[in-house]
Amino acid sequence: MKKLIFTFSILLFIACDSQPKQEKVAAPDYIYEATYLDTFTLDDQSNVLLVQEMHKHLIAKDFEKAFSYLADEIVFSNGDGTSVEGKEAVIEFISENFSAVNINNYQVGVNFSVQGDNGDQWVLLWDNAELETPNGDKTNFAWMEAFQLKDGKIVRMNQFAKPVL
């Protein structure tokens, strides 16, 4: 019986001590090379919270708080192909376009923060909501957005948008 317990203890020790070997995965031989960012790592996830807080204030129409997250040199590249540059122009754009609509049932599908090997920080966000116009029309939208951050402020927003049919 002692031999059985001793043998079992040895086997248990070996089983707990051995670690699975991790095989190195070869980098793929890409057909197209990235011209901006090829290598990135997960970054400070508090940047996600910063972007979420800005959205929370936009939805609540607390524009002054929402604007506090924007850098002076902000560039919005909107889902419709238009672009707005500079904090004052972005403030005017948001004030005109968001004050007239209600954003209902806002949901986040994906959000995470990355940092490129060049030091650029981005928050990638996939979200959706129902937009309600003043006359009561409602349309569901899905967005894919990338927010570039610098020194704790949003300096760029790239957006892709589509109505959900």
C-alpha atoms as a PDB file:
ATOM      1  CA  MET A   1       0.000   0.000   0.000  1.00  0.00           C
ATOM      2  CA  LYS A   2       2.862   2.383   0.844  1.00  0.00           C
ATOM      3  CA  LYS A   3       4.449   1.660  -2.545  1.00  0.00           C
ATOM      4  CA  LEU A   4       1.129   2.477  -4.265  1.00  0.00           C
ATOM      5  CA  ILE A   5       0.777   5.808  -2.418  1.00  0.00           C
ATOM      6  CA  PHE A   6       4.449   6.636  -3.090  1.00  0.00           C
ATOM      7  CA  THR A   7       4.084   5.814  -6.808  1.00  0.00           C
ATOM      8  CA  PHE A   8       0.858   7.813  -7.049  1.00  0.00           C
ATOM      9  CA  SER A   9       2.545  10.791  -5.329  1.00  0.00           C
ATOM     10  CA  ILE A  10       5.460  10.681  -7.779  1.00  0.00           C
ATOM     11  CA  LEU A  11       3.107  10.520 -10.778  1.00  0.00           C
ATOM     12  CA  LEU A  12       0.998  13.388  -9.396  1.00  0.00           C
ATOM     13  CA  PHE A  13       4.139  15.501  -8.850  1.00  0.00           C
ATOM     14  CA  ILE A  14       5.365  14.832 -12.400  1.00  0.00           C
ATOM     15  CA  ALA A  15       1.945  15.567 -13.879  1.00  0.00           C
ATOM     16  CA  CYS A  16       1.641  18.869 -12.004  1.00  0.00           C
ATOM     17  CA  ASP A  17       5.203  19.934 -12.716  1.00  0.00           C
ATOM     18  CA  SER A  18       5.289  19.334 -16.449  1.00  0.00           C
ATOM     19  CA  GLN A  19       4.213  22.210 -18.617  1.00  0.00           C
ATOM     20  CA  PRO A  20       2.868  21.820 -22.107  1.00  0.00           C
ATOM     21  CA  LYS A  21       5.322  22.773 -24.799  1.00  0.00           C
ATOM     22  CA  GLN A  22       4.305  25.836 -26.743  1.00  0.00           C
ATOM     23  CA  GLU A  23       5.100  25.548 -30.378  1.00  0.00           C
ATOM     24  CA  LYS A  24       6.221  28.656 -32.161  1.00  0.00           C
ATOM     25  CA  VAL A  25       3.794  29.709 -34.828  1.00  0.00           C
ATOM     26  CA  ALA A  26       5.475  30.936 -37.961  1.00  0.00           C
ATOM     27  CA  ALA A  27       4.453  34.380 -39.118  1.00  0.00           C
ATOM     28  CA  PRO A  28       2.251  34.135 -42.178  1.00  0.00           C
ATOM     29  CA  ASP A  29       3.678  35.100 -45.527  1.00  0.00           C
ATOM     30  CA  TYR A  30       1.175  37.887 -46.224  1.00  0.00           C
ATOM     31  CA  ILE A  31       0.101  38.604 -49.767  1.00  0.00           C
ATOM     32  CA  TYR A  32      -0.233  42.328 -48.950  1.00  0.00           C
ATOM     33  CA  GLU A  33       2.022  44.051 -46.437  1.00  0.00           C
ATOM     34  CA  ALA A  34       0.549  46.612 -44.057  1.00  0.00           C
ATOM     35  CA  THR A  35       1.762  50.126 -44.806  1.00  0.00           C
ATOM     36  CA  TYR A  36       0.840  51.666 -41.433  1.00  0.00           C
ATOM     37  CA  LEU A  37       0.654  49.119 -38.609  1.00  0.00           C
ATOM     38  CA  ASP A  38       1.702  45.532 -38.955  1.00  0.00           C
ATOM     39  CA  THR A  39       2.537  44.736 -35.364  1.00  0.00           C
ATOM     40  CA  PHE A  40       0.496  45.750 -32.324  1.00  0.00           C
ATOM     41  CA  THR A  41      -0.228  44.570 -28.802  1.00  0.00           C
ATOM     42  CA  LEU A  42      -3.157  44.950 -26.458  1.00  0.00           C
ATOM     43  CA  ASP A  43      -2.804  48.281 -24.708  1.00  0.00           C
ATOM     44  CA  ASP A  44      -4.096  50.052 -21.620  1.00  0.00           C
ATOM     45  CA  GLN A  45      -7.752  49.065 -21.472  1.00  0.00           C
ATOM     46  CA  SER A  46      -8.574  52.261 -19.541  1.00  0.00           C
ATOM     47  CA  ASN A  47      -8.508  53.891 -22.987  1.00  0.00           C
ATOM     48  CA  VAL A  48     -11.653  51.862 -23.740  1.00  0.00           C
ATOM     49  CA  LEU A  49     -13.318  53.451 -20.718  1.00  0.00           C
ATOM     50  CA  LEU A  50     -12.377  56.909 -22.002  1.00  0.00           C
ATOM     51  CA  VAL A  51     -14.110  56.225 -25.337  1.00  0.00           C
ATOM     52  CA  GLN A  52     -17.128  54.679 -23.560  1.00  0.00           C
ATOM     53  CA  GLU A  53     -17.440  57.721 -21.293  1.00  0.00           C
ATOM     54  CA  MET A  54     -17.437  60.018 -24.318  1.00  0.00           C
ATOM     55  CA  HIS A  55     -20.233  57.928 -25.859  1.00  0.00           C
ATOM     56  CA  LYS A  56     -22.199  57.978 -22.607  1.00  0.00           C
ATOM     57  CA  HIS A  57     -22.117  61.785 -22.577  1.00  0.00           C
ATOM     58  CA  LEU A  58     -23.039  62.027 -26.287  1.00  0.00           C
ATOM     59  CA  ILE A  59     -26.057  59.761 -25.758  1.00  0.00           C
ATOM     60  CA  ALA A  60     -27.122  61.814 -22.723  1.00  0.00           C
ATOM     61  CA  LYS A  61     -26.621  64.994 -24.791  1.00  0.00           C
ATOM     62  CA  ASP A  62     -24.110  66.275 -22.235  1.00  0.00           C
ATOM     63  CA  PHE A  63     -21.996  67.671 -25.047  1.00  0.00           C
ATOM     64  CA  GLU A  64     -19.644  69.764 -22.902  1.00  0.00           C
ATOM     65  CA  LYS A  65     -18.443  66.623 -21.096  1.00  0.00           C
ATOM     66  CA  ALA A  66     -18.235  64.705 -24.383  1.00  0.00           C
ATOM     67  CA  PHE A  67     -16.130  67.498 -25.917  1.00  0.00           C
ATOM     68  CA  SER A  68     -13.659  67.345 -23.017  1.00  0.00           C
ATOM     69  CA  TYR A  69     -12.313  64.043 -24.422  1.00  0.00           C
ATOM     70  CA  LEU A  70     -11.335  65.613 -27.759  1.00  0.00           C
ATOM     71  CA  ALA A  71      -7.905  67.012 -28.624  1.00  0.00           C
ATOM     72  CA  ASP A  72      -7.654  70.398 -30.322  1.00  0.00           C
ATOM     73  CA  GLU A  73      -6.341  68.722 -33.505  1.00  0.00           C
ATOM     74  CA  ILE A  74      -9.166  66.116 -33.658  1.00  0.00           C
ATOM     75  CA  VAL A  75     -10.142  64.715 -37.051  1.00  0.00           C
ATOM     76  CA  PHE A  76     -13.467  62.902 -37.535  1.00  0.00           C
ATOM     77  CA  SER A  77     -13.639  60.712 -40.637  1.00  0.00           C
ATOM     78  CA  ASN A  78     -17.336  59.931 -40.728  1.00  0.00           C
ATOM     79  CA  GLY A  79     -19.104  56.851 -42.002  1.00  0.00           C
ATOM     80  CA  ASP A  80     -20.657  58.791 -44.879  1.00  0.00           C
ATOM     81  CA  GLY A  81     -17.241  59.703 -46.294  1.00  0.00           C
ATOM     82  CA  THR A  82     -17.144  63.259 -44.960  1.00  0.00           C
ATOM     83  CA  SER A  83     -14.393  64.558 -42.734  1.00  0.00           C
ATOM     84  CA  VAL A  84     -14.391  67.225 -40.018  1.00  0.00           C
ATOM     85  CA  GLU A  85     -11.113  68.715 -38.754  1.00  0.00           C
ATOM     86  CA  GLY A  86     -10.350  70.694 -35.599  1.00  0.00           C
ATOM     87  CA  LYS A  87     -12.085  70.695 -32.234  1.00  0.00           C
ATOM     88  CA  GLU A  88     -14.317  73.715 -32.934  1.00  0.00           C
ATOM     89  CA  ALA A  89     -15.550  72.202 -36.228  1.00  0.00           C
ATOM     90  CA  VAL A  90     -16.164  68.823 -34.558  1.00  0.00           C
ATOM     91  CA  ILE A  91     -18.072  70.529 -31.716  1.00  0.00           C
ATOM     92  CA  GLU A  92     -20.269  72.291 -34.275  1.00  0.00           C
ATOM     93  CA  PHE A  93     -20.794  69.049 -36.220  1.00  0.00           C
ATOM     94  CA  ILE A  94     -21.751  67.052 -33.117  1.00  0.00           C
ATOM     95  CA  SER A  95     -23.989  69.797 -31.764  1.00  0.00           C
ATOM     96  CA  GLU A  96     -25.902  70.059 -35.043  1.00  0.00           C
ATOM     97  CA  ASN A  97     -26.198  66.340 -35.742  1.00  0.00           C
ATOM     98  CA  PHE A  98     -26.623  64.777 -32.315  1.00  0.00           C
ATOM     99  CA  SER A  99     -28.907  67.303 -30.616  1.00  0.00           C
ATOM    100  CA  ALA A 100     -31.801  66.474 -32.965  1.00  0.00           C
ATOM    101  CA  VAL A 101     -31.713  62.675 -32.645  1.00  0.00           C
ATOM    102  CA  ASN A 102     -32.154  60.255 -29.779  1.00  0.00           C
ATOM    103  CA  ILE A 103     -29.835  57.288 -29.499  1.00  0.00           C
ATOM    104  CA  ASN A 104     -31.738  54.314 -28.102  1.00  0.00           C
ATOM    105  CA  ASN A 105     -30.699  50.782 -27.160  1.00  0.00           C
ATOM    106  CA  TYR A 106     -26.982  51.494 -27.482  1.00  0.00           C
ATOM    107  CA  GLN A 107     -24.918  48.296 -27.415  1.00  0.00           C
ATOM    108  CA  VAL A 108     -21.246  47.464 -27.731  1.00  0.00           C
ATOM    109  CA  GLY A 109     -20.256  44.323 -29.593  1.00  0.00           C
ATOM    110  CA  VAL A 110     -16.458  44.661 -29.363  1.00  0.00           C
ATOM    111  CA  ASN A 111     -14.119  47.164 -27.754  1.00  0.00           C
ATOM    112  CA  PHE A 112     -10.424  46.872 -27.034  1.00  0.00           C
ATOM    113  CA  SER A 113      -7.326  49.016 -26.970  1.00  0.00           C
ATOM    114  CA  VAL A 114      -4.155  48.375 -28.965  1.00  0.00           C
ATOM    115  CA  GLN A 115      -0.768  50.007 -29.344  1.00  0.00           C
ATOM    116  CA  GLY A 116       1.231  49.755 -32.524  1.00  0.00           C
ATOM    117  CA  ASP A 117       4.939  49.160 -32.689  1.00  0.00           C
ATOM    118  CA  ASN A 118       5.156  52.836 -33.696  1.00  0.00           C
ATOM    119  CA  GLY A 119       3.591  53.909 -30.353  1.00  0.00           C
ATOM    120  CA  ASP A 120       0.171  54.893 -31.739  1.00  0.00           C
ATOM    121  CA  GLN A 121      -2.713  53.999 -29.416  1.00  0.00           C
ATOM    122  CA  TRP A 122      -6.133  53.026 -30.769  1.00  0.00           C
ATOM    123  CA  VAL A 123      -9.443  51.909 -29.314  1.00  0.00           C
ATOM    124  CA  LEU A 124     -11.386  49.686 -31.701  1.00  0.00           C
ATOM    125  CA  LEU A 125     -15.138  49.750 -31.178  1.00  0.00           C
ATOM    126  CA  TRP A 126     -18.008  47.911 -32.862  1.00  0.00           C
ATOM    127  CA  ASP A 127     -21.319  49.264 -31.642  1.00  0.00           C
ATOM    128  CA  ASN A 128     -24.938  49.619 -32.671  1.00  0.00           C
ATOM    129  CA  ALA A 129     -28.038  51.565 -31.692  1.00  0.00           C
ATOM    130  CA  GLU A 130     -31.391  52.794 -32.832  1.00  0.00           C
ATOM    131  CA  LEU A 131     -31.442  56.409 -34.038  1.00  0.00           C
ATOM    132  CA  GLU A 132     -34.737  58.223 -33.584  1.00  0.00           C
ATOM    133  CA  THR A 133     -35.369  61.445 -35.507  1.00  0.00           C
ATOM    134  CA  PRO A 134     -37.547  64.311 -34.217  1.00  0.00           C
ATOM    135  CA  ASN A 135     -40.472  63.099 -36.363  1.00  0.00           C
ATOM    136  CA  GLY A 136     -40.304  59.650 -34.730  1.00  0.00           C
ATOM    137  CA  ASP A 137     -38.595  57.712 -37.545  1.00  0.00           C
ATOM    138  CA  LYS A 138     -36.325  54.994 -36.197  1.00  0.00           C
ATOM    139  CA  THR A 139     -33.386  53.320 -37.915  1.00  0.00           C
ATOM    140  CA  ASN A 140     -30.958  50.795 -36.473  1.00  0.00           C
ATOM    141  CA  PHE A 141     -27.308  51.416 -37.266  1.00  0.00           C
ATOM    142  CA  ALA A 142     -24.113  49.430 -36.833  1.00  0.00           C
ATOM    143  CA  TRP A 143     -20.750  51.175 -36.615  1.00  0.00           C
ATOM    144  CA  MET A 144     -17.127  50.118 -36.665  1.00  0.00           C
ATOM    145  CA  GLU A 145     -14.986  52.874 -35.238  1.00  0.00           C
ATOM    146  CA  ALA A 146     -11.331  53.372 -34.462  1.00  0.00           C
ATOM    147  CA  PHE A 147     -10.334  56.116 -32.040  1.00  0.00           C
ATOM    148  CA  GLN A 148      -6.696  57.212 -31.948  1.00  0.00           C
ATOM    149  CA  LEU A 149      -5.566  58.596 -28.606  1.00  0.00           C
ATOM    150  CA  LYS A 150      -2.648  60.799 -27.709  1.00  0.00           C
ATOM    151  CA  ASP A 151      -1.921  62.147 -24.229  1.00  0.00           C
ATOM    152  CA  GLY A 152      -5.323  60.982 -22.957  1.00  0.00           C
ATOM    153  CA  LYS A 153      -7.330  62.733 -25.689  1.00  0.00           C
ATOM    154  CA  ILE A 154      -8.992  61.527 -28.880  1.00  0.00           C
ATOM    155  CA  VAL A 155      -7.090  62.875 -31.898  1.00  0.00           C
ATOM    156  CA  ARG A 156      -8.800  60.862 -34.647  1.00  0.00           C
ATOM    157  CA  MET A 157     -11.998  58.924 -35.203  1.00  0.00           C
ATOM    158  CA  ASN A 158     -12.420  56.710 -38.271  1.00  0.00           C
ATOM    159  CA  GLN A 159     -15.969  55.450 -38.689  1.00  0.00           C
ATOM    160  CA  PHE A 160     -17.692  52.954 -40.919  1.00  0.00           C
ATOM    161  CA  ALA A 161     -21.476  52.918 -40.642  1.00  0.00           C
ATOM    162  CA  LYS A 162     -24.379  51.023 -42.127  1.00  0.00           C
ATOM    163  CA  PRO A 163     -28.073  50.748 -41.421  1.00  0.00           C
ATOM    164  CA  VAL A 164     -29.156  47.389 -40.058  1.00  0.00           C
ATOM    165  CA  LEU A 165     -31.973  46.160 -42.269  1.00  0.00           C
END
